[in-house]
Amino acid sequence: ENKNFTLAETIDLRNKYIGKSCEL
């Protein structure tokens, strides 16, 4: 799906799919 996620949605998706050790 192609959409513009909100900041909160992007953070949630990152927490779900990206390794926690990947630094921000």
mmCIF file of all heavy atoms, coordinates in Angstrom:
data_MODEL
# 
_entry.id   MODEL 
# 
loop_
_atom_site.group_PDB 
_atom_site.id 
_atom_site.type_symbol 
_atom_site.label_atom_id 
_atom_site.label_alt_id 
_atom_site.label_comp_id 
_atom_site.label_asym_id 
_atom_site.label_entity_id 
_atom_site.label_seq_id 
_atom_site.pdbx_PDB_ins_code 
_atom_site.Cartn_x 
_atom_site.Cartn_y 
_atom_site.Cartn_z 
_atom_site.occupancy 
_atom_site.B_iso_or_equiv 
_atom_site.pdbx_formal_charge 
_atom_site.auth_seq_id 
_atom_site.auth_comp_id 
_atom_site.auth_asym_id 
_atom_site.auth_atom_id 
_atom_site.pdbx_PDB_model_num 
ATOM 1   N N   . GLU A 1 1  ? 0.837  -1.195 0.000  1.00 0.00 ? 1  GLU A N   1 
ATOM 2   C CA  . GLU A 1 1  ? 0.000  0.000  0.000  1.00 0.00 ? 1  GLU A CA  1 
ATOM 3   C C   . GLU A 1 1  ? 0.877  1.251  0.000  1.00 0.00 ? 1  GLU A C   1 
ATOM 4   O O   . GLU A 1 1  ? 1.828  1.362  0.756  1.00 0.00 ? 1  GLU A O   1 
ATOM 5   C CB  . GLU A 1 1  ? -0.894 -0.010 1.241  1.00 0.00 ? 1  GLU A CB  1 
ATOM 6   C CG  . GLU A 1 1  ? -1.839 1.178  1.305  1.00 0.00 ? 1  GLU A CG  1 
ATOM 7   C CD  . GLU A 1 1  ? -2.658 1.196  2.586  1.00 0.00 ? 1  GLU A CD  1 
ATOM 8   O OE1 . GLU A 1 1  ? -2.483 0.299  3.417  1.00 0.00 ? 1  GLU A OE1 1 
ATOM 9   O OE2 . GLU A 1 1  ? -3.479 2.109  2.726  1.00 0.00 ? 1  GLU A OE2 1 
ATOM 10  N N   . ASN A 1 2  ? 0.525  2.190  -0.859 1.00 0.00 ? 2  ASN A N   1 
ATOM 11  C CA  . ASN A 1 2  ? 1.294  3.424  -0.974 1.00 0.00 ? 2  ASN A CA  1 
ATOM 12  C C   . ASN A 1 2  ? 0.532  4.545  -0.291 1.00 0.00 ? 2  ASN A C   1 
ATOM 13  O O   . ASN A 1 2  ? -0.509 4.987  -0.778 1.00 0.00 ? 2  ASN A O   1 
ATOM 14  C CB  . ASN A 1 2  ? 1.525  3.751  -2.452 1.00 0.00 ? 2  ASN A CB  1 
ATOM 15  C CG  . ASN A 1 2  ? 2.442  4.944  -2.626 1.00 0.00 ? 2  ASN A CG  1 
ATOM 16  O OD1 . ASN A 1 2  ? 3.082  5.385  -1.689 1.00 0.00 ? 2  ASN A OD1 1 
ATOM 17  N ND2 . ASN A 1 2  ? 2.512  5.471  -3.835 1.00 0.00 ? 2  ASN A ND2 1 
ATOM 18  N N   . LYS A 1 3  ? 1.017  5.004  0.827  1.00 0.00 ? 3  LYS A N   1 
ATOM 19  C CA  . LYS A 1 3  ? 0.368  6.094  1.560  1.00 0.00 ? 3  LYS A CA  1 
ATOM 20  C C   . LYS A 1 3  ? 1.411  6.857  2.356  1.00 0.00 ? 3  LYS A C   1 
ATOM 21  O O   . LYS A 1 3  ? 2.529  6.382  2.568  1.00 0.00 ? 3  LYS A O   1 
ATOM 22  C CB  . LYS A 1 3  ? -0.720 5.553  2.495  1.00 0.00 ? 3  LYS A CB  1 
ATOM 23  C CG  . LYS A 1 3  ? -0.193 4.666  3.623  1.00 0.00 ? 3  LYS A CG  1 
ATOM 24  C CD  . LYS A 1 3  ? -1.249 4.407  4.675  1.00 0.00 ? 3  LYS A CD  1 
ATOM 25  C CE  . LYS A 1 3  ? -1.497 5.618  5.538  1.00 0.00 ? 3  LYS A CE  1 
ATOM 26  N NZ  . LYS A 1 3  ? -2.383 5.366  6.677  1.00 0.00 ? 3  LYS A NZ  1 
ATOM 27  N N   . ASN A 1 4  ? 1.021  8.043  2.761  1.00 0.00 ? 4  ASN A N   1 
ATOM 28  C CA  . ASN A 1 4  ? 1.881  8.838  3.623  1.00 0.00 ? 4  ASN A CA  1 
ATOM 29  C C   . ASN A 1 4  ? 1.497  8.587  5.073  1.00 0.00 ? 4  ASN A C   1 
ATOM 30  O O   . ASN A 1 4  ? 0.422  8.999  5.526  1.00 0.00 ? 4  ASN A O   1 
ATOM 31  C CB  . ASN A 1 4  ? 1.741  10.330 3.288  1.00 0.00 ? 4  ASN A CB  1 
ATOM 32  C CG  . ASN A 1 4  ? 2.285  10.653 1.913  1.00 0.00 ? 4  ASN A CG  1 
ATOM 33  O OD1 . ASN A 1 4  ? 3.290  10.111 1.502  1.00 0.00 ? 4  ASN A OD1 1 
ATOM 34  N ND2 . ASN A 1 4  ? 1.597  11.531 1.200  1.00 0.00 ? 4  ASN A ND2 1 
ATOM 35  N N   . PHE A 1 5  ? 2.366  7.895  5.791  1.00 0.00 ? 5  PHE A N   1 
ATOM 36  C CA  . PHE A 1 5  ? 2.075  7.585  7.183  1.00 0.00 ? 5  PHE A CA  1 
ATOM 37  C C   . PHE A 1 5  ? 2.305  8.812  8.060  1.00 0.00 ? 5  PHE A C   1 
ATOM 38  O O   . PHE A 1 5  ? 3.144  9.668  7.747  1.00 0.00 ? 5  PHE A O   1 
ATOM 39  C CB  . PHE A 1 5  ? 2.974  6.443  7.674  1.00 0.00 ? 5  PHE A CB  1 
ATOM 40  C CG  . PHE A 1 5  ? 2.747  5.137  6.978  1.00 0.00 ? 5  PHE A CG  1 
ATOM 41  C CD1 . PHE A 1 5  ? 3.698  4.629  6.109  1.00 0.00 ? 5  PHE A CD1 1 
ATOM 42  C CD2 . PHE A 1 5  ? 1.588  4.411  7.187  1.00 0.00 ? 5  PHE A CD2 1 
ATOM 43  C CE1 . PHE A 1 5  ? 3.507  3.435  5.460  1.00 0.00 ? 5  PHE A CE1 1 
ATOM 44  C CE2 . PHE A 1 5  ? 1.386  3.203  6.556  1.00 0.00 ? 5  PHE A CE2 1 
ATOM 45  C CZ  . PHE A 1 5  ? 2.337  2.710  5.678  1.00 0.00 ? 5  PHE A CZ  1 
ATOM 46  N N   . THR A 1 6  ? 1.578  8.894  9.143  1.00 0.00 ? 6  THR A N   1 
ATOM 47  C CA  . THR A 1 6  ? 1.861  9.923  10.132 1.00 0.00 ? 6  THR A CA  1 
ATOM 48  C C   . THR A 1 6  ? 3.175  9.579  10.828 1.00 0.00 ? 6  THR A C   1 
ATOM 49  O O   . THR A 1 6  ? 3.681  8.446  10.720 1.00 0.00 ? 6  THR A O   1 
ATOM 50  C CB  . THR A 1 6  ? 0.752  10.004 11.184 1.00 0.00 ? 6  THR A CB  1 
ATOM 51  O OG1 . THR A 1 6  ? 0.730  8.771  11.929 1.00 0.00 ? 6  THR A OG1 1 
ATOM 52  C CG2 . THR A 1 6  ? -0.615 10.245 10.531 1.00 0.00 ? 6  THR A CG2 1 
ATOM 53  N N   . LEU A 1 7  ? 3.732  10.557 11.554 1.00 0.00 ? 7  LEU A N   1 
ATOM 54  C CA  . LEU A 1 7  ? 4.964  10.308 12.283 1.00 0.00 ? 7  LEU A CA  1 
ATOM 55  C C   . LEU A 1 7  ? 4.800  9.132  13.237 1.00 0.00 ? 7  LEU A C   1 
ATOM 56  O O   . LEU A 1 7  ? 5.651  8.241  13.302 1.00 0.00 ? 7  LEU A O   1 
ATOM 57  C CB  . LEU A 1 7  ? 5.367  11.571 13.059 1.00 0.00 ? 7  LEU A CB  1 
ATOM 58  C CG  . LEU A 1 7  ? 6.611  11.464 13.943 1.00 0.00 ? 7  LEU A CG  1 
ATOM 59  C CD1 . LEU A 1 7  ? 7.850  11.199 13.094 1.00 0.00 ? 7  LEU A CD1 1 
ATOM 60  C CD2 . LEU A 1 7  ? 6.807  12.736 14.753 1.00 0.00 ? 7  LEU A CD2 1 
ATOM 61  N N   . ALA A 1 8  ? 3.687  9.113  13.957 1.00 0.00 ? 8  ALA A N   1 
ATOM 62  C CA  . ALA A 1 8  ? 3.430  8.034  14.923 1.00 0.00 ? 8  ALA A CA  1 
ATOM 63  C C   . ALA A 1 8  ? 3.320  6.685  14.215 1.00 0.00 ? 8  ALA A C   1 
ATOM 64  O O   . ALA A 1 8  ? 3.829  5.672  14.719 1.00 0.00 ? 8  ALA A O   1 
ATOM 65  C CB  . ALA A 1 8  ? 2.169  8.331  15.708 1.00 0.00 ? 8  ALA A CB  1 
ATOM 66  N N   . GLU A 1 9  ? 2.663  6.663  13.064 1.00 0.00 ? 9  GLU A N   1 
ATOM 67  C CA  . GLU A 1 9  ? 2.522  5.409  12.324 1.00 0.00 ? 9  GLU A CA  1 
ATOM 68  C C   . GLU A 1 9  ? 3.877  4.908  11.839 1.00 0.00 ? 9  GLU A C   1 
ATOM 69  O O   . GLU A 1 9  ? 4.168  3.701  11.898 1.00 0.00 ? 9  GLU A O   1 
ATOM 70  C CB  . GLU A 1 9  ? 1.583  5.607  11.133 1.00 0.00 ? 9  GLU A CB  1 
ATOM 71  C CG  . GLU A 1 9  ? 0.113  5.746  11.519 1.00 0.00 ? 9  GLU A CG  1 
ATOM 72  C CD  . GLU A 1 9  ? -0.767 6.115  10.340 1.00 0.00 ? 9  GLU A CD  1 
ATOM 73  O OE1 . GLU A 1 9  ? -0.272 6.765  9.389  1.00 0.00 ? 9  GLU A OE1 1 
ATOM 74  O OE2 . GLU A 1 9  ? -1.968 5.756  10.363 1.00 0.00 ? 9  GLU A OE2 1 
ATOM 75  N N   . THR A 1 10 ? 4.713  5.812  11.357 1.00 0.00 ? 10 THR A N   1 
ATOM 76  C CA  . THR A 1 10 ? 6.040  5.414  10.888 1.00 0.00 ? 10 THR A CA  1 
ATOM 77  C C   . THR A 1 10 ? 6.871  4.854  12.038 1.00 0.00 ? 10 THR A C   1 
ATOM 78  O O   . THR A 1 10 ? 7.575  3.847  11.880 1.00 0.00 ? 10 THR A O   1 
ATOM 79  C CB  . THR A 1 10 ? 6.765  6.606  10.246 1.00 0.00 ? 10 THR A CB  1 
ATOM 80  O OG1 . THR A 1 10 ? 5.996  7.092  9.150  1.00 0.00 ? 10 THR A OG1 1 
ATOM 81  C CG2 . THR A 1 10 ? 8.145  6.206  9.745  1.00 0.00 ? 10 THR A CG2 1 
ATOM 82  N N   . ILE A 1 11 ? 6.791  5.485  13.212 1.00 0.00 ? 11 ILE A N   1 
ATOM 83  C CA  . ILE A 1 11 ? 7.512  4.986  14.385 1.00 0.00 ? 11 ILE A CA  1 
ATOM 84  C C   . ILE A 1 11 ? 7.021  3.602  14.767 1.00 0.00 ? 11 ILE A C   1 
ATOM 85  O O   . ILE A 1 11 ? 7.811  2.687  15.047 1.00 0.00 ? 11 ILE A O   1 
ATOM 86  C CB  . ILE A 1 11 ? 7.365  5.972  15.563 1.00 0.00 ? 11 ILE A CB  1 
ATOM 87  C CG1 . ILE A 1 11 ? 8.133  7.269  15.260 1.00 0.00 ? 11 ILE A CG1 1 
ATOM 88  C CG2 . ILE A 1 11 ? 7.891  5.345  16.859 1.00 0.00 ? 11 ILE A CG2 1 
ATOM 89  C CD1 . ILE A 1 11 ? 7.904  8.372  16.280 1.00 0.00 ? 11 ILE A CD1 1 
ATOM 90  N N   . ASP A 1 12 ? 5.700  3.412  14.767 1.00 0.00 ? 12 ASP A N   1 
ATOM 91  C CA  . ASP A 1 12 ? 5.126  2.104  15.114 1.00 0.00 ? 12 ASP A CA  1 
ATOM 92  C C   . ASP A 1 12 ? 5.586  1.024  14.144 1.00 0.00 ? 12 ASP A C   1 
ATOM 93  O O   . ASP A 1 12 ? 5.949  -0.096 14.548 1.00 0.00 ? 12 ASP A O   1 
ATOM 94  C CB  . ASP A 1 12 ? 3.597  2.175  15.122 1.00 0.00 ? 12 ASP A CB  1 
ATOM 95  C CG  . ASP A 1 12 ? 3.046  2.949  16.314 1.00 0.00 ? 12 ASP A CG  1 
ATOM 96  O OD1 . ASP A 1 12 ? 3.810  3.149  17.283 1.00 0.00 ? 12 ASP A OD1 1 
ATOM 97  O OD2 . ASP A 1 12 ? 1.872  3.352  16.279 1.00 0.00 ? 12 ASP A OD2 1 
ATOM 98  N N   . LEU A 1 13 ? 5.591  1.349  12.845 1.00 0.00 ? 13 LEU A N   1 
ATOM 99  C CA  . LEU A 1 13 ? 6.001  0.381  11.838 1.00 0.00 ? 13 LEU A CA  1 
ATOM 100 C C   . LEU A 1 13 ? 7.493  0.076  11.953 1.00 0.00 ? 13 LEU A C   1 
ATOM 101 O O   . LEU A 1 13 ? 7.912  -1.077 11.783 1.00 0.00 ? 13 LEU A O   1 
ATOM 102 C CB  . LEU A 1 13 ? 5.678  0.905  10.436 1.00 0.00 ? 13 LEU A CB  1 
ATOM 103 C CG  . LEU A 1 13 ? 4.189  0.899  10.065 1.00 0.00 ? 13 LEU A CG  1 
ATOM 104 C CD1 . LEU A 1 13 ? 3.945  1.713  8.809  1.00 0.00 ? 13 LEU A CD1 1 
ATOM 105 C CD2 . LEU A 1 13 ? 3.700  -0.544 9.880  1.00 0.00 ? 13 LEU A CD2 1 
ATOM 106 N N   . ARG A 1 14 ? 8.265  1.094  12.252 1.00 0.00 ? 14 ARG A N   1 
ATOM 107 C CA  . ARG A 1 14 ? 9.713  0.865  12.441 1.00 0.00 ? 14 ARG A CA  1 
ATOM 108 C C   . ARG A 1 14 ? 9.940  -0.047 13.639 1.00 0.00 ? 14 ARG A C   1 
ATOM 109 O O   . ARG A 1 14 ? 10.750 -0.984 13.571 1.00 0.00 ? 14 ARG A O   1 
ATOM 110 C CB  . ARG A 1 14 ? 10.444 2.198  12.631 1.00 0.00 ? 14 ARG A CB  1 
ATOM 111 C CG  . ARG A 1 14 ? 11.958 2.032  12.754 1.00 0.00 ? 14 ARG A CG  1 
ATOM 112 C CD  . ARG A 1 14 ? 12.665 3.353  12.918 1.00 0.00 ? 14 ARG A CD  1 
ATOM 113 N NE  . ARG A 1 14 ? 14.092 3.162  13.148 1.00 0.00 ? 14 ARG A NE  1 
ATOM 114 C CZ  . ARG A 1 14 ? 15.056 3.377  12.267 1.00 0.00 ? 14 ARG A CZ  1 
ATOM 115 N NH1 . ARG A 1 14 ? 14.759 3.804  11.052 1.00 0.00 ? 14 ARG A NH1 1 
ATOM 116 N NH2 . ARG A 1 14 ? 16.328 3.171  12.575 1.00 0.00 ? 14 ARG A NH2 1 
ATOM 117 N N   . ASN A 1 15 ? 9.249  0.209  14.736 1.00 0.00 ? 15 ASN A N   1 
ATOM 118 C CA  . ASN A 1 15 ? 9.397  -0.629 15.921 1.00 0.00 ? 15 ASN A CA  1 
ATOM 119 C C   . ASN A 1 15 ? 8.982  -2.071 15.651 1.00 0.00 ? 15 ASN A C   1 
ATOM 120 O O   . ASN A 1 15 ? 9.521  -3.008 16.244 1.00 0.00 ? 15 ASN A O   1 
ATOM 121 C CB  . ASN A 1 15 ? 8.591  -0.055 17.078 1.00 0.00 ? 15 ASN A CB  1 
ATOM 122 C CG  . ASN A 1 15 ? 9.193  1.219  17.640 1.00 0.00 ? 15 ASN A CG  1 
ATOM 123 O OD1 . ASN A 1 15 ? 10.399 1.459  17.513 1.00 0.00 ? 15 ASN A OD1 1 
ATOM 124 N ND2 . ASN A 1 15 ? 8.366  2.051  18.256 1.00 0.00 ? 15 ASN A ND2 1 
ATOM 125 N N   . LYS A 1 16 ? 8.030  -2.243 14.740 1.00 0.00 ? 16 LYS A N   1 
ATOM 126 C CA  . LYS A 1 16 ? 7.520  -3.580 14.442 1.00 0.00 ? 16 LYS A CA  1 
ATOM 127 C C   . LYS A 1 16 ? 8.434  -4.350 13.505 1.00 0.00 ? 16 LYS A C   1 
ATOM 128 O O   . LYS A 1 16 ? 8.649  -5.559 13.689 1.00 0.00 ? 16 LYS A O   1 
ATOM 129 C CB  . LYS A 1 16 ? 6.123  -3.468 13.824 1.00 0.00 ? 16 LYS A CB  1 
ATOM 130 C CG  . LYS A 1 16 ? 5.467  -4.819 13.530 1.00 0.00 ? 16 LYS A CG  1 
ATOM 131 C CD  . LYS A 1 16 ? 4.049  -4.639 12.996 1.00 0.00 ? 16 LYS A CD  1 
ATOM 132 C CE  . LYS A 1 16 ? 3.394  -5.995 12.732 1.00 0.00 ? 16 LYS A CE  1 
ATOM 133 N NZ  . LYS A 1 16 ? 2.000  -5.827 12.222 1.00 0.00 ? 16 LYS A NZ  1 
ATOM 134 N N   . TYR A 1 17 ? 9.000  -3.683 12.501 1.00 0.00 ? 17 TYR A N   1 
ATOM 135 C CA  . TYR A 1 17 ? 9.693  -4.395 11.427 1.00 0.00 ? 17 TYR A CA  1 
ATOM 136 C C   . TYR A 1 17 ? 11.211 -4.198 11.382 1.00 0.00 ? 17 TYR A C   1 
ATOM 137 O O   . TYR A 1 17 ? 11.900 -4.952 10.697 1.00 0.00 ? 17 TYR A O   1 
ATOM 138 C CB  . TYR A 1 17 ? 9.126  -3.957 10.071 1.00 0.00 ? 17 TYR A CB  1 
ATOM 139 C CG  . TYR A 1 17 ? 7.687  -4.379 9.861  1.00 0.00 ? 17 TYR A CG  1 
ATOM 140 C CD1 . TYR A 1 17 ? 6.675  -3.432 9.775  1.00 0.00 ? 17 TYR A CD1 1 
ATOM 141 C CD2 . TYR A 1 17 ? 7.335  -5.729 9.749  1.00 0.00 ? 17 TYR A CD2 1 
ATOM 142 C CE1 . TYR A 1 17 ? 5.351  -3.806 9.577  1.00 0.00 ? 17 TYR A CE1 1 
ATOM 143 C CE2 . TYR A 1 17 ? 6.022  -6.114 9.557  1.00 0.00 ? 17 TYR A CE2 1 
ATOM 144 C CZ  . TYR A 1 17 ? 5.023  -5.150 9.470  1.00 0.00 ? 17 TYR A CZ  1 
ATOM 145 O OH  . TYR A 1 17 ? 3.729  -5.526 9.273  1.00 0.00 ? 17 TYR A OH  1 
ATOM 146 N N   . ILE A 1 18 ? 11.724 -3.188 12.070 1.00 0.00 ? 18 ILE A N   1 
ATOM 147 C CA  . ILE A 1 18 ? 13.147 -2.889 12.002 1.00 0.00 ? 18 ILE A CA  1 
ATOM 148 C C   . ILE A 1 18 ? 13.830 -3.273 13.312 1.00 0.00 ? 18 ILE A C   1 
ATOM 149 O O   . ILE A 1 18 ? 13.286 -3.055 14.395 1.00 0.00 ? 18 ILE A O   1 
ATOM 150 C CB  . ILE A 1 18 ? 13.383 -1.382 11.714 1.00 0.00 ? 18 ILE A CB  1 
ATOM 151 C CG1 . ILE A 1 18 ? 12.633 -0.956 10.453 1.00 0.00 ? 18 ILE A CG1 1 
ATOM 152 C CG2 . ILE A 1 18 ? 14.873 -1.094 11.578 1.00 0.00 ? 18 ILE A CG2 1 
ATOM 153 C CD1 . ILE A 1 18 ? 13.049 -1.690 9.194  1.00 0.00 ? 18 ILE A CD1 1 
ATOM 154 N N   . GLY A 1 19 ? 15.035 -3.828 13.198 1.00 0.00 ? 19 GLY A N   1 
ATOM 155 C CA  . GLY A 1 19 ? 15.764 -4.257 14.387 1.00 0.00 ? 19 GLY A CA  1 
ATOM 156 C C   . GLY A 1 19 ? 15.939 -3.127 15.390 1.00 0.00 ? 19 GLY A C   1 
ATOM 157 O O   . GLY A 1 19 ? 16.269 -1.998 15.007 1.00 0.00 ? 19 GLY A O   1 
ATOM 158 N N   . LYS A 1 20 ? 15.742 -3.432 16.651 1.00 0.00 ? 20 LYS A N   1 
ATOM 159 C CA  . LYS A 1 20 ? 15.795 -2.401 17.689 1.00 0.00 ? 20 LYS A CA  1 
ATOM 160 C C   . LYS A 1 20 ? 17.191 -1.797 17.854 1.00 0.00 ? 20 LYS A C   1 
ATOM 161 O O   . LYS A 1 20 ? 17.333 -0.701 18.385 1.00 0.00 ? 20 LYS A O   1 
ATOM 162 C CB  . LYS A 1 20 ? 15.336 -2.994 19.043 1.00 0.00 ? 20 LYS A CB  1 
ATOM 163 C CG  . LYS A 1 20 ? 13.906 -3.532 19.042 1.00 0.00 ? 20 LYS A CG  1 
ATOM 164 C CD  . LYS A 1 20 ? 12.896 -2.439 18.775 1.00 0.00 ? 20 LYS A CD  1 
ATOM 165 C CE  . LYS A 1 20 ? 11.473 -2.933 18.914 1.00 0.00 ? 20 LYS A CE  1 
ATOM 166 N NZ  . LYS A 1 20 ? 11.094 -3.959 17.906 1.00 0.00 ? 20 LYS A NZ  1 
ATOM 167 N N   . SER A 1 21 ? 18.205 -2.504 17.401 1.00 0.00 ? 21 SER A N   1 
ATOM 168 C CA  . SER A 1 21 ? 19.562 -1.977 17.523 1.00 0.00 ? 21 SER A CA  1 
ATOM 169 C C   . SER A 1 21 ? 19.906 -0.992 16.405 1.00 0.00 ? 21 SER A C   1 
ATOM 170 O O   . SER A 1 21 ? 20.987 -0.396 16.428 1.00 0.00 ? 21 SER A O   1 
ATOM 171 C CB  . SER A 1 21 ? 20.575 -3.126 17.517 1.00 0.00 ? 21 SER A CB  1 
ATOM 172 O OG  . SER A 1 21 ? 20.440 -3.893 16.337 1.00 0.00 ? 21 SER A OG  1 
ATOM 173 N N   . CYS A 1 22 ? 19.016 -0.810 15.428 1.00 0.00 ? 22 CYS A N   1 
ATOM 174 C CA  . CYS A 1 22 ? 19.252 0.166  14.358 1.00 0.00 ? 22 CYS A CA  1 
ATOM 175 C C   . CYS A 1 22 ? 18.994 1.564  14.913 1.00 0.00 ? 22 CYS A C   1 
ATOM 176 O O   . CYS A 1 22 ? 17.854 1.909  15.258 1.00 0.00 ? 22 CYS A O   1 
ATOM 177 C CB  . CYS A 1 22 ? 18.343 -0.118 13.159 1.00 0.00 ? 22 CYS A CB  1 
ATOM 178 S SG  . CYS A 1 22 ? 18.702 -1.670 12.331 1.00 0.00 ? 22 CYS A SG  1 
ATOM 179 N N   . GLU A 1 23 ? 20.047 2.355  14.991 1.00 0.00 ? 23 GLU A N   1 
ATOM 180 C CA  . GLU A 1 23 ? 20.019 3.615  15.724 1.00 0.00 ? 23 GLU A CA  1 
ATOM 181 C C   . GLU A 1 23 ? 19.319 4.732  14.956 1.00 0.00 ? 23 GLU A C   1 
ATOM 182 O O   . GLU A 1 23 ? 19.379 4.804  13.726 1.00 0.00 ? 23 GLU A O   1 
ATOM 183 C CB  . GLU A 1 23 ? 21.453 4.044  16.056 1.00 0.00 ? 23 GLU A CB  1 
ATOM 184 C CG  . GLU A 1 23 ? 21.557 5.191  17.042 1.00 0.00 ? 23 GLU A CG  1 
ATOM 185 C CD  . GLU A 1 23 ? 23.008 5.483  17.400 1.00 0.00 ? 23 GLU A CD  1 
ATOM 186 O OE1 . GLU A 1 23 ? 23.903 5.150  16.620 1.00 0.00 ? 23 GLU A OE1 1 
ATOM 187 O OE2 . GLU A 1 23 ? 23.229 6.052  18.486 1.00 0.00 ? 23 GLU A OE2 1 
ATOM 188 N N   . LEU A 1 24 ? 18.663 5.602  15.714 1.00 0.00 ? 24 LEU A N   1 
ATOM 189 C CA  . LEU A 1 24 ? 18.034 6.808  15.173 1.00 0.00 ? 24 LEU A CA  1 
ATOM 190 C C   . LEU A 1 24 ? 18.726 8.045  15.739 1.00 0.00 ? 24 LEU A C   1 
ATOM 191 O O   . LEU A 1 24 ? 19.178 8.047  16.890 1.00 0.00 ? 24 LEU A O   1 
ATOM 192 C CB  . LEU A 1 24 ? 16.560 6.885  15.587 1.00 0.00 ? 24 LEU A CB  1 
ATOM 193 C CG  . LEU A 1 24 ? 15.512 6.144  14.743 1.00 0.00 ? 24 LEU A CG  1 
ATOM 194 C CD1 . LEU A 1 24 ? 14.174 6.183  15.475 1.00 0.00 ? 24 LEU A CD1 1 
ATOM 195 C CD2 . LEU A 1 24 ? 15.373 6.749  13.361 1.00 0.00 ? 24 LEU A CD2 1 
# 
